[in-house]
Amino acid sequence: MDIWSKGIEIVRETYKSTEKFPKRETYGLISQMRRAAVSIPLNVAEGFRRYHNKEYKQFLYVSLGSCAELETQITIVKELKYIPKDEEAILLEKLDHLCRMTTNLIKKL
């Protein structure tokens, strides 16, 4: 699944970016961002395995919620200058693409 693969890519990018954050954020933004990123492909996978479109759509909506959460967290870390602008732009672009793909899939189900 393309959406699942893109979600895994976002997880990798998020982990890579958060490795450089200050250690004091280990139980704060680092943990929250990683959980939100991981939640995206987890919900896609779980919904897909339910074999019912109605349930699948619900899990895709949860995945979209995690996308919004991660997007906000990226904005916060940009404001705190924990992430370079180029990394922030790449992450937000990938996240936006994934959100559009997910929204289109929801419409088709």
PDB file of N, CA and C in Angstrom:
ATOM      1  N   MET A   1       0.835  -1.193   0.000  1.00  0.00           N
ATOM      2  CA  MET A   1       0.000   0.000   0.000  1.00  0.00           C
ATOM      3  C   MET A   1       0.872   1.246   0.000  1.00  0.00           C
ATOM      4  N   ASP A   2       0.561   2.111  -0.918  1.00  0.00           N
ATOM      5  CA  ASP A   2       1.320   3.347  -1.067  1.00  0.00           C
ATOM      6  C   ASP A   2       1.226   4.238   0.165  1.00  0.00           C
ATOM      7  N   ILE A   3       0.034   4.355   0.734  1.00  0.00           N
ATOM      8  CA  ILE A   3      -0.154   5.218   1.903  1.00  0.00           C
ATOM      9  C   ILE A   3       0.657   4.696   3.087  1.00  0.00           C
ATOM     10  N   TRP A   4       0.633   3.394   3.288  1.00  0.00           N
ATOM     11  CA  TRP A   4       1.391   2.776   4.375  1.00  0.00           C
ATOM     12  C   TRP A   4       2.890   3.038   4.186  1.00  0.00           C
ATOM     13  N   SER A   5       3.388   2.858   2.967  1.00  0.00           N
ATOM     14  CA  SER A   5       4.813   3.082   2.673  1.00  0.00           C
ATOM     15  C   SER A   5       5.223   4.525   2.935  1.00  0.00           C
ATOM     16  N   LYS A   6       4.371   5.452   2.516  1.00  0.00           N
ATOM     17  CA  LYS A   6       4.654   6.875   2.770  1.00  0.00           C
ATOM     18  C   LYS A   6       4.658   7.159   4.272  1.00  0.00           C
ATOM     19  N   GLY A   7       3.779   6.501   4.998  1.00  0.00           N
ATOM     20  CA  GLY A   7       3.752   6.656   6.451  1.00  0.00           C
ATOM     21  C   GLY A   7       5.041   6.170   7.093  1.00  0.00           C
ATOM     22  N   ILE A   8       5.536   5.032   6.633  1.00  0.00           N
ATOM     23  CA  ILE A   8       6.805   4.501   7.147  1.00  0.00           C
ATOM     24  C   ILE A   8       7.945   5.472   6.851  1.00  0.00           C
ATOM     25  N   GLU A   9       7.923   6.071   5.681  1.00  0.00           N
ATOM     26  CA  GLU A   9       8.943   7.057   5.309  1.00  0.00           C
ATOM     27  C   GLU A   9       8.902   8.257   6.251  1.00  0.00           C
ATOM     28  N   ILE A  10       7.725   8.702   6.596  1.00  0.00           N
ATOM     29  CA  ILE A  10       7.576   9.823   7.531  1.00  0.00           C
ATOM     30  C   ILE A  10       8.085   9.440   8.917  1.00  0.00           C
ATOM     31  N   VAL A  11       7.853   8.200   9.322  1.00  0.00           N
ATOM     32  CA  VAL A  11       8.388   7.724  10.611  1.00  0.00           C
ATOM     33  C   VAL A  11       9.909   7.814  10.598  1.00  0.00           C
ATOM     34  N   ARG A  12      10.536   7.310   9.533  1.00  0.00           N
ATOM     35  CA  ARG A  12      12.006   7.366   9.430  1.00  0.00           C
ATOM     36  C   ARG A  12      12.512   8.802   9.506  1.00  0.00           C
ATOM     37  N   GLU A  13      11.887   9.687   8.752  1.00  0.00           N
ATOM     38  CA  GLU A  13      12.305  11.091   8.724  1.00  0.00           C
ATOM     39  C   GLU A  13      12.115  11.754  10.096  1.00  0.00           C
ATOM     40  N   THR A  14      11.030  11.421  10.760  1.00  0.00           N
ATOM     41  CA  THR A  14      10.748  12.001  12.074  1.00  0.00           C
ATOM     42  C   THR A  14      11.782  11.536  13.093  1.00  0.00           C
ATOM     43  N   TYR A  15      12.074  10.250  13.105  1.00  0.00           N
ATOM     44  CA  TYR A  15      13.088   9.736  14.032  1.00  0.00           C
ATOM     45  C   TYR A  15      14.442  10.381  13.753  1.00  0.00           C
ATOM     46  N   LYS A  16      14.791  10.490  12.490  1.00  0.00           N
ATOM     47  CA  LYS A  16      16.071  11.095  12.107  1.00  0.00           C
ATOM     48  C   LYS A  16      16.150  12.551  12.573  1.00  0.00           C
ATOM     49  N   SER A  17      15.081  13.305  12.362  1.00  0.00           N
ATOM     50  CA  SER A  17      15.064  14.717  12.748  1.00  0.00           C
ATOM     51  C   SER A  17      15.107  14.902  14.259  1.00  0.00           C
ATOM     52  N   THR A  18      14.357  14.076  14.991  1.00  0.00           N
ATOM     53  CA  THR A  18      14.271  14.262  16.437  1.00  0.00           C
ATOM     54  C   THR A  18      15.530  13.811  17.170  1.00  0.00           C
ATOM     55  N   GLU A  19      16.389  13.041  16.527  1.00  0.00           N
ATOM     56  CA  GLU A  19      17.657  12.638  17.159  1.00  0.00           C
ATOM     57  C   GLU A  19      18.521  13.837  17.516  1.00  0.00           C
ATOM     58  N   LYS A  20      18.341  14.936  16.796  1.00  0.00           N
ATOM     59  CA  LYS A  20      19.173  16.126  16.994  1.00  0.00           C
ATOM     60  C   LYS A  20      18.580  17.109  18.008  1.00  0.00           C
ATOM     61  N   PHE A  21      17.406  16.825  18.513  1.00  0.00           N
ATOM     62  CA  PHE A  21      16.765  17.728  19.467  1.00  0.00           C
ATOM     63  C   PHE A  21      17.507  17.702  20.802  1.00  0.00           C
ATOM     64  N   PRO A  22      17.324  18.754  21.607  1.00  0.00           N
ATOM     65  CA  PRO A  22      17.938  18.764  22.940  1.00  0.00           C
ATOM     66  C   PRO A  22      17.440  17.576  23.777  1.00  0.00           C
ATOM     67  N   LYS A  23      18.318  17.022  24.595  1.00  0.00           N
ATOM     68  CA  LYS A  23      17.971  15.862  25.428  1.00  0.00           C
ATOM     69  C   LYS A  23      16.803  16.154  26.368  1.00  0.00           C
ATOM     70  N   ARG A  24      16.632  17.413  26.751  1.00  0.00           N
ATOM     71  CA  ARG A  24      15.532  17.752  27.660  1.00  0.00           C
ATOM     72  C   ARG A  24      14.164  17.520  27.017  1.00  0.00           C
ATOM     73  N   GLU A  25      14.127  17.324  25.700  1.00  0.00           N
ATOM     74  CA  GLU A  25      12.867  17.070  24.990  1.00  0.00           C
ATOM     75  C   GLU A  25      12.579  15.575  24.821  1.00  0.00           C
ATOM     76  N   THR A  26      13.418  14.716  25.418  1.00  0.00           N
ATOM     77  CA  THR A  26      13.240  13.269  25.258  1.00  0.00           C
ATOM     78  C   THR A  26      11.836  12.818  25.615  1.00  0.00           C
ATOM     79  N   TYR A  27      11.304  13.298  26.711  1.00  0.00           N
ATOM     80  CA  TYR A  27       9.969  12.875  27.150  1.00  0.00           C
ATOM     81  C   TYR A  27       8.900  13.894  26.775  1.00  0.00           C
ATOM     82  N   GLY A  28       9.283  14.896  26.000  1.00  0.00           N
ATOM     83  CA  GLY A  28       8.353  15.915  25.549  1.00  0.00           C
ATOM     84  C   GLY A  28       8.113  15.783  24.057  1.00  0.00           C
ATOM     85  N   LEU A  29       8.622  16.733  23.306  1.00  0.00           N
ATOM     86  CA  LEU A  29       8.361  16.776  21.874  1.00  0.00           C
ATOM     87  C   LEU A  29       8.903  15.560  21.120  1.00  0.00           C
ATOM     88  N   ILE A  30      10.058  15.059  21.503  1.00  0.00           N
ATOM     89  CA  ILE A  30      10.612  13.892  20.796  1.00  0.00           C
ATOM     90  C   ILE A  30       9.637  12.725  20.888  1.00  0.00           C
ATOM     91  N   SER A  31       9.216  12.416  22.082  1.00  0.00           N
ATOM     92  CA  SER A  31       8.292  11.305  22.305  1.00  0.00           C
ATOM     93  C   SER A  31       6.960  11.531  21.597  1.00  0.00           C
ATOM     94  N   GLN A  32       6.420  12.724  21.703  1.00  0.00           N
ATOM     95  CA  GLN A  32       5.128  13.026  21.090  1.00  0.00           C
ATOM     96  C   GLN A  32       5.187  12.952  19.569  1.00  0.00           C
ATOM     97  N   MET A  33       6.245  13.507  18.990  1.00  0.00           N
ATOM     98  CA  MET A  33       6.368  13.487  17.535  1.00  0.00           C
ATOM     99  C   MET A  33       6.535  12.063  17.013  1.00  0.00           C
ATOM    100  N   ARG A  34       7.335  11.284  17.701  1.00  0.00           N
ATOM    101  CA  ARG A  34       7.546   9.908  17.264  1.00  0.00           C
ATOM    102  C   ARG A  34       6.260   9.092  17.375  1.00  0.00           C
ATOM    103  N   ARG A  35       5.522   9.282  18.446  1.00  0.00           N
ATOM    104  CA  ARG A  35       4.248   8.554  18.601  1.00  0.00           C
ATOM    105  C   ARG A  35       3.253   8.955  17.529  1.00  0.00           C
ATOM    106  N   ALA A  36       3.156  10.244  17.230  1.00  0.00           N
ATOM    107  CA  ALA A  36       2.228  10.712  16.197  1.00  0.00           C
ATOM    108  C   ALA A  36       2.626  10.141  14.832  1.00  0.00           C
ATOM    109  N   ALA A  37       3.924  10.155  14.530  1.00  0.00           N
ATOM    110  CA  ALA A  37       4.397   9.633  13.245  1.00  0.00           C
ATOM    111  C   ALA A  37       4.113   8.137  13.125  1.00  0.00           C
ATOM    112  N   VAL A  38       4.408   7.382  14.171  1.00  0.00           N
ATOM    113  CA  VAL A  38       4.189   5.936  14.160  1.00  0.00           C
ATOM    114  C   VAL A  38       2.700   5.615  14.045  1.00  0.00           C
ATOM    115  N   SER A  39       1.868   6.428  14.640  1.00  0.00           N
ATOM    116  CA  SER A  39       0.426   6.212  14.613  1.00  0.00           C
ATOM    117  C   SER A  39      -0.141   6.252  13.190  1.00  0.00           C
ATOM    118  N   ILE A  40       0.494   6.991  12.312  1.00  0.00           N
ATOM    119  CA  ILE A  40      -0.025   7.144  10.947  1.00  0.00           C
ATOM    120  C   ILE A  40      -0.060   5.793  10.214  1.00  0.00           C
ATOM    121  N   PRO A  41       1.076   5.115  10.015  1.00  0.00           N
ATOM    122  CA  PRO A  41       0.996   3.827   9.302  1.00  0.00           C
ATOM    123  C   PRO A  41       0.342   2.719  10.131  1.00  0.00           C
ATOM    124  N   LEU A  42       0.423   2.808  11.464  1.00  0.00           N
ATOM    125  CA  LEU A  42      -0.233   1.788  12.291  1.00  0.00           C
ATOM    126  C   LEU A  42      -1.739   1.777  12.060  1.00  0.00           C
ATOM    127  N   ASN A  43      -2.346   2.945  12.006  1.00  0.00           N
ATOM    128  CA  ASN A  43      -3.789   3.019  11.794  1.00  0.00           C
ATOM    129  C   ASN A  43      -4.181   2.632  10.377  1.00  0.00           C
ATOM    130  N   VAL A  44      -3.350   2.950   9.412  1.00  0.00           N
ATOM    131  CA  VAL A  44      -3.609   2.514   8.033  1.00  0.00           C
ATOM    132  C   VAL A  44      -3.614   0.985   7.982  1.00  0.00           C
ATOM    133  N   ALA A  45      -2.608   0.367   8.584  1.00  0.00           N
ATOM    134  CA  ALA A  45      -2.494  -1.097   8.570  1.00  0.00           C
ATOM    135  C   ALA A  45      -3.641  -1.759   9.322  1.00  0.00           C
ATOM    136  N   GLU A  46      -3.945  -1.253  10.501  1.00  0.00           N
ATOM    137  CA  GLU A  46      -5.006  -1.872  11.289  1.00  0.00           C
ATOM    138  C   GLU A  46      -6.355  -1.758  10.589  1.00  0.00           C
ATOM    139  N   GLY A  47      -6.639  -0.602  10.050  1.00  0.00           N
ATOM    140  CA  GLY A  47      -7.900  -0.422   9.334  1.00  0.00           C
ATOM    141  C   GLY A  47      -8.006  -1.309   8.116  1.00  0.00           C
ATOM    142  N   PHE A  48      -6.908  -1.459   7.391  1.00  0.00           N
ATOM    143  CA  PHE A  48      -6.893  -2.304   6.198  1.00  0.00           C
ATOM    144  C   PHE A  48      -7.210  -3.754   6.541  1.00  0.00           C
ATOM    145  N   ARG A  49      -6.708  -4.226   7.650  1.00  0.00           N
ATOM    146  CA  ARG A  49      -6.921  -5.617   8.067  1.00  0.00           C
ATOM    147  C   ARG A  49      -8.313  -5.879   8.632  1.00  0.00           C
ATOM    148  N   ARG A  50      -9.092  -4.833   8.823  1.00  0.00           N
ATOM    149  CA  ARG A  50     -10.450  -5.025   9.328  1.00  0.00           C
ATOM    150  C   ARG A  50     -11.387  -5.557   8.241  1.00  0.00           C
ATOM    151  N   TYR A  51     -11.035  -5.384   6.987  1.00  0.00           N
ATOM    152  CA  TYR A  51     -11.790  -5.906   5.848  1.00  0.00           C
ATOM    153  C   TYR A  51     -13.195  -5.324   5.689  1.00  0.00           C
ATOM    154  N   HIS A  52     -13.481  -4.219   6.338  1.00  0.00           N
ATOM    155  CA  HIS A  52     -14.764  -3.543   6.170  1.00  0.00           C
ATOM    156  C   HIS A  52     -14.479  -2.074   5.895  1.00  0.00           C
ATOM    157  N   ASN A  53     -15.035  -1.570   4.823  1.00  0.00           N
ATOM    158  CA  ASN A  53     -14.753  -0.189   4.427  1.00  0.00           C
ATOM    159  C   ASN A  53     -15.096   0.832   5.501  1.00  0.00           C
ATOM    160  N   LYS A  54     -16.201   0.612   6.205  1.00  0.00           N
ATOM    161  CA  LYS A  54     -16.602   1.575   7.234  1.00  0.00           C
ATOM    162  C   LYS A  54     -15.538   1.661   8.332  1.00  0.00           C
ATOM    163  N   GLU A  55     -15.052   0.527   8.793  1.00  0.00           N
ATOM    164  CA  GLU A  55     -14.003   0.526   9.822  1.00  0.00           C
ATOM    165  C   GLU A  55     -12.689   1.068   9.270  1.00  0.00           C
ATOM    166  N   TYR A  56     -12.380   0.676   8.036  1.00  0.00           N
ATOM    167  CA  TYR A  56     -11.152   1.158   7.397  1.00  0.00           C
ATOM    168  C   TYR A  56     -11.162   2.684   7.337  1.00  0.00           C
ATOM    169  N   LYS A  57     -12.284   3.265   6.917  1.00  0.00           N
ATOM    170  CA  LYS A  57     -12.393   4.714   6.849  1.00  0.00           C
ATOM    171  C   LYS A  57     -12.161   5.348   8.218  1.00  0.00           C
ATOM    172  N   GLN A  58     -12.708   4.742   9.254  1.00  0.00           N
ATOM    173  CA  GLN A  58     -12.546   5.288  10.605  1.00  0.00           C
ATOM    174  C   GLN A  58     -11.062   5.319  11.000  1.00  0.00           C
ATOM    175  N   PHE A  59     -10.344   4.249  10.693  1.00  0.00           N
ATOM    176  CA  PHE A  59      -8.909   4.223  11.011  1.00  0.00           C
ATOM    177  C   PHE A  59      -8.130   5.218  10.152  1.00  0.00           C
ATOM    178  N   LEU A  60      -8.577   5.430   8.914  1.00  0.00           N
ATOM    179  CA  LEU A  60      -7.926   6.436   8.070  1.00  0.00           C
ATOM    180  C   LEU A  60      -8.149   7.833   8.624  1.00  0.00           C
ATOM    181  N   TYR A  61      -9.320   8.073   9.195  1.00  0.00           N
ATOM    182  CA  TYR A  61      -9.578   9.365   9.841  1.00  0.00           C
ATOM    183  C   TYR A  61      -8.665   9.553  11.068  1.00  0.00           C
ATOM    184  N   VAL A  62      -8.451   8.494  11.815  1.00  0.00           N
ATOM    185  CA  VAL A  62      -7.538   8.568  12.965  1.00  0.00           C
ATOM    186  C   VAL A  62      -6.125   8.880  12.466  1.00  0.00           C
ATOM    187  N   SER A  63      -5.742   8.242  11.365  1.00  0.00           N
ATOM    188  CA  SER A  63      -4.429   8.501  10.769  1.00  0.00           C
ATOM    189  C   SER A  63      -4.302   9.973  10.359  1.00  0.00           C
ATOM    190  N   LEU A  64      -5.362  10.525   9.782  1.00  0.00           N
ATOM    191  CA  LEU A  64      -5.353  11.948   9.418  1.00  0.00           C
ATOM    192  C   LEU A  64      -5.204  12.833  10.658  1.00  0.00           C
ATOM    193  N   GLY A  65      -5.821  12.428  11.750  1.00  0.00           N
ATOM    194  CA  GLY A  65      -5.668  13.174  13.000  1.00  0.00           C
ATOM    195  C   GLY A  65      -4.224  13.183  13.469  1.00  0.00           C
ATOM    196  N   SER A  66      -3.562  12.044  13.326  1.00  0.00           N
ATOM    197  CA  SER A  66      -2.141  11.962  13.692  1.00  0.00           C
ATOM    198  C   SER A  66      -1.291  12.821  12.769  1.00  0.00           C
ATOM    199  N   CYS A  67      -1.686  12.900  11.494  1.00  0.00           N
ATOM    200  CA  CYS A  67      -0.981  13.785  10.554  1.00  0.00           C
ATOM    201  C   CYS A  67      -1.084  15.239  11.005  1.00  0.00           C
ATOM    202  N   ALA A  68      -2.282  15.644  11.417  1.00  0.00           N
ATOM    203  CA  ALA A  68      -2.487  17.018  11.877  1.00  0.00           C
ATOM    204  C   ALA A  68      -1.682  17.290  13.143  1.00  0.00           C
ATOM    205  N   GLU A  69      -1.648  16.299  14.019  1.00  0.00           N
ATOM    206  CA  GLU A  69      -0.879  16.425  15.256  1.00  0.00           C
ATOM    207  C   GLU A  69       0.610  16.609  14.937  1.00  0.00           C
ATOM    208  N   LEU A  70       1.134  15.771  14.046  1.00  0.00           N
ATOM    209  CA  LEU A  70       2.550  15.857  13.680  1.00  0.00           C
ATOM    210  C   LEU A  70       2.850  17.176  12.970  1.00  0.00           C
ATOM    211  N   GLU A  71       1.949  17.628  12.130  1.00  0.00           N
ATOM    212  CA  GLU A  71       2.128  18.902  11.428  1.00  0.00           C
ATOM    213  C   GLU A  71       2.261  20.047  12.436  1.00  0.00           C
ATOM    214  N   THR A  72       1.427  20.056  13.446  1.00  0.00           N
ATOM    215  CA  THR A  72       1.489  21.088  14.483  1.00  0.00           C
ATOM    216  C   THR A  72       2.795  20.993  15.261  1.00  0.00           C
ATOM    217  N   GLN A  73       3.207  19.783  15.579  1.00  0.00           N
ATOM    218  CA  GLN A  73       4.461  19.594  16.315  1.00  0.00           C
ATOM    219  C   GLN A  73       5.660  20.069  15.490  1.00  0.00           C
ATOM    220  N   ILE A  74       5.628  19.839  14.186  1.00  0.00           N
ATOM    221  CA  ILE A  74       6.713  20.317  13.309  1.00  0.00           C
ATOM    222  C   ILE A  74       6.758  21.840  13.329  1.00  0.00           C
ATOM    223  N   THR A  75       5.599  22.470  13.316  1.00  0.00           N
ATOM    224  CA  THR A  75       5.536  23.931  13.389  1.00  0.00           C
ATOM    225  C   THR A  75       6.128  24.428  14.709  1.00  0.00           C
ATOM    226  N   ILE A  76       5.813  23.736  15.789  1.00  0.00           N
ATOM    227  CA  ILE A  76       6.334  24.112  17.107  1.00  0.00           C
ATOM    228  C   ILE A  76       7.856  23.995  17.142  1.00  0.00           C
ATOM    229  N   VAL A  77       8.394  22.876  16.655  1.00  0.00           N
ATOM    230  CA  VAL A  77       9.856  22.701  16.719  1.00  0.00           C
ATOM    231  C   VAL A  77      10.574  23.663  15.777  1.00  0.00           C
ATOM    232  N   LYS A  78       9.889  24.076  14.717  1.00  0.00           N
ATOM    233  CA  LYS A  78      10.472  25.102  13.847  1.00  0.00           C
ATOM    234  C   LYS A  78      10.582  26.414  14.614  1.00  0.00           C
ATOM    235  N   GLU A  79       9.521  26.765  15.336  1.00  0.00           N
ATOM    236  CA  GLU A  79       9.515  28.000  16.123  1.00  0.00           C
ATOM    237  C   GLU A  79      10.584  27.960  17.219  1.00  0.00           C
ATOM    238  N   LEU A  80      10.828  26.780  17.772  1.00  0.00           N
ATOM    239  CA  LEU A  80      11.843  26.622  18.812  1.00  0.00           C
ATOM    240  C   LEU A  80      13.258  26.475  18.234  1.00  0.00           C
ATOM    241  N   LYS A  81      13.330  26.462  16.903  1.00  0.00           N
ATOM    242  CA  LYS A  81      14.603  26.336  16.179  1.00  0.00           C
ATOM    243  C   LYS A  81      15.319  25.010  16.465  1.00  0.00           C
ATOM    244  N   TYR A  82      14.531  23.949  16.627  1.00  0.00           N
ATOM    245  CA  TYR A  82      15.079  22.610  16.825  1.00  0.00           C
ATOM    246  C   TYR A  82      15.317  21.902  15.495  1.00  0.00           C
ATOM    247  N   ILE A  83      14.747  22.446  14.420  1.00  0.00           N
ATOM    248  CA  ILE A  83      14.814  21.790  13.126  1.00  0.00           C
ATOM    249  C   ILE A  83      15.156  22.835  12.053  1.00  0.00           C
ATOM    250  N   PRO A  84      16.083  22.509  11.169  1.00  0.00           N
ATOM    251  CA  PRO A  84      16.405  23.447  10.090  1.00  0.00           C
ATOM    252  C   PRO A  84      15.218  23.621   9.133  1.00  0.00           C
ATOM    253  N   LYS A  85      15.133  24.784   8.511  1.00  0.00           N
ATOM    254  CA  LYS A  85      14.011  25.077   7.621  1.00  0.00           C
ATOM    255  C   LYS A  85      13.881  24.063   6.484  1.00  0.00           C
ATOM    256  N   ASP A  86      15.005  23.615   5.938  1.00  0.00           N
ATOM    257  CA  ASP A  86      14.925  22.667   4.827  1.00  0.00           C
ATOM    258  C   ASP A  86      14.340  21.324   5.277  1.00  0.00           C
ATOM    259  N   GLU A  87      14.726  20.853   6.452  1.00  0.00           N
ATOM    260  CA  GLU A  87      14.160  19.611   6.997  1.00  0.00           C
ATOM    261  C   GLU A  87      12.679  19.774   7.283  1.00  0.00           C
ATOM    262  N   GLU A  88      12.333  20.906   7.845  1.00  0.00           N
ATOM    263  CA  GLU A  88      10.928  21.186   8.152  1.00  0.00           C
ATOM    264  C   GLU A  88      10.100  21.179   6.871  1.00  0.00           C
ATOM    265  N   ALA A  89      10.606  21.829   5.829  1.00  0.00           N
ATOM    266  CA  ALA A  89       9.882  21.901   4.560  1.00  0.00           C
ATOM    267  C   ALA A  89       9.692  20.517   3.939  1.00  0.00           C
ATOM    268  N   ILE A  90      10.722  19.691   3.993  1.00  0.00           N
ATOM    269  CA  ILE A  90      10.639  18.341   3.429  1.00  0.00           C
ATOM    270  C   ILE A  90       9.608  17.508   4.190  1.00  0.00           C
ATOM    271  N   LEU A  91       9.682  17.557   5.514  1.00  0.00           N
ATOM    272  CA  LEU A  91       8.732  16.800   6.330  1.00  0.00           C
ATOM    273  C   LEU A  91       7.291  17.251   6.080  1.00  0.00           C
ATOM    274  N   LEU A  92       7.071  18.555   6.054  1.00  0.00           N
ATOM    275  CA  LEU A  92       5.717  19.063   5.838  1.00  0.00           C
ATOM    276  C   LEU A  92       5.203  18.721   4.445  1.00  0.00           C
ATOM    277  N   GLU A  93       6.080  18.748   3.465  1.00  0.00           N
ATOM    278  CA  GLU A  93       5.684  18.394   2.099  1.00  0.00           C
ATOM    279  C   GLU A  93       5.262  16.924   2.022  1.00  0.00           C
ATOM    280  N   LYS A  94       6.060  16.042   2.627  1.00  0.00           N
ATOM    281  CA  LYS A  94       5.725  14.615   2.636  1.00  0.00           C
ATOM    282  C   LYS A  94       4.431  14.356   3.403  1.00  0.00           C
ATOM    283  N   LEU A  95       4.267  15.046   4.498  1.00  0.00           N
ATOM    284  CA  LEU A  95       3.070  14.890   5.317  1.00  0.00           C
ATOM    285  C   LEU A  95       1.833  15.373   4.563  1.00  0.00           C
ATOM    286  N   ASP A  96       1.957  16.508   3.886  1.00  0.00           N
ATOM    287  CA  ASP A  96       0.846  17.039   3.103  1.00  0.00           C
ATOM    288  C   ASP A  96       0.462  16.069   1.988  1.00  0.00           C
ATOM    289  N   HIS A  97       1.447  15.511   1.322  1.00  0.00           N
ATOM    290  CA  HIS A  97       1.186  14.544   0.255  1.00  0.00           C
ATOM    291  C   HIS A  97       0.444  13.322   0.803  1.00  0.00           C
ATOM    292  N   LEU A  98       0.901  12.829   1.933  1.00  0.00           N
ATOM    293  CA  LEU A  98       0.254  11.679   2.556  1.00  0.00           C
ATOM    294  C   LEU A  98      -1.189  12.005   2.955  1.00  0.00           C
ATOM    295  N   CYS A  99      -1.421  13.184   3.490  1.00  0.00           N
ATOM    296  CA  CYS A  99      -2.778  13.593   3.885  1.00  0.00           C
ATOM    297  C   CYS A  99      -3.703  13.646   2.673  1.00  0.00           C
ATOM    298  N   ARG A 100      -3.214  14.185   1.570  1.00  0.00           N
ATOM    299  CA  ARG A 100      -4.028  14.246   0.361  1.00  0.00           C
ATOM    300  C   ARG A 100      -4.341  12.852  -0.164  1.00  0.00           C
ATOM    301  N   MET A 101      -3.350  11.968  -0.143  1.00  0.00           N
ATOM    302  CA  MET A 101      -3.567  10.584  -0.575  1.00  0.00           C
ATOM    303  C   MET A 101      -4.613   9.900   0.306  1.00  0.00           C
ATOM    304  N   THR A 102      -4.503  10.097   1.607  1.00  0.00           N
ATOM    305  CA  THR A 102      -5.438   9.481   2.545  1.00  0.00           C
ATOM    306  C   THR A 102      -6.846  10.011   2.346  1.00  0.00           C
ATOM    307  N   THR A 103      -6.970  11.307   2.171  1.00  0.00           N
ATOM    308  CA  THR A 103      -8.279  11.916   1.928  1.00  0.00           C
ATOM    309  C   THR A 103      -8.908  11.375   0.652  1.00  0.00           C
ATOM    310  N   ASN A 104      -8.122  11.231  -0.394  1.00  0.00           N
ATOM    311  CA  ASN A 104      -8.631  10.672  -1.649  1.00  0.00           C
ATOM    312  C   ASN A 104      -9.088   9.231  -1.482  1.00  0.00           C
ATOM    313  N   LEU A 105      -8.333   8.454  -0.711  1.00  0.00           N
ATOM    314  CA  LEU A 105      -8.736   7.069  -0.465  1.00  0.00           C
ATOM    315  C   LEU A 105     -10.050   7.011   0.303  1.00  0.00           C
ATOM    316  N   ILE A 106     -10.194   7.863   1.287  1.00  0.00           N
ATOM    317  CA  ILE A 106     -11.441   7.902   2.067  1.00  0.00           C
ATOM    318  C   ILE A 106     -12.622   8.198   1.148  1.00  0.00           C
ATOM    319  N   LYS A 107     -12.444   9.123   0.231  1.00  0.00           N
ATOM    320  CA  LYS A 107     -13.521   9.481  -0.708  1.00  0.00           C
ATOM    321  C   LYS A 107     -13.895   8.293  -1.597  1.00  0.00           C
ATOM    322  N   LYS A 108     -12.916   7.467  -1.944  1.00  0.00           N
ATOM    323  CA  LYS A 108     -13.173   6.325  -2.832  1.00  0.00           C
ATOM    324  C   LYS A 108     -13.828   5.141  -2.119  1.00  0.00           C
ATOM    325  N   LEU A 109     -13.681   5.073  -0.810  1.00  0.00           N
ATOM    326  CA  LEU A 109     -14.229   3.912  -0.091  1.00  0.00           C
ATOM    327  C   LEU A 109     -15.731   4.001   0.108  1.00  0.00           C
TER     328      LEU A 109
END
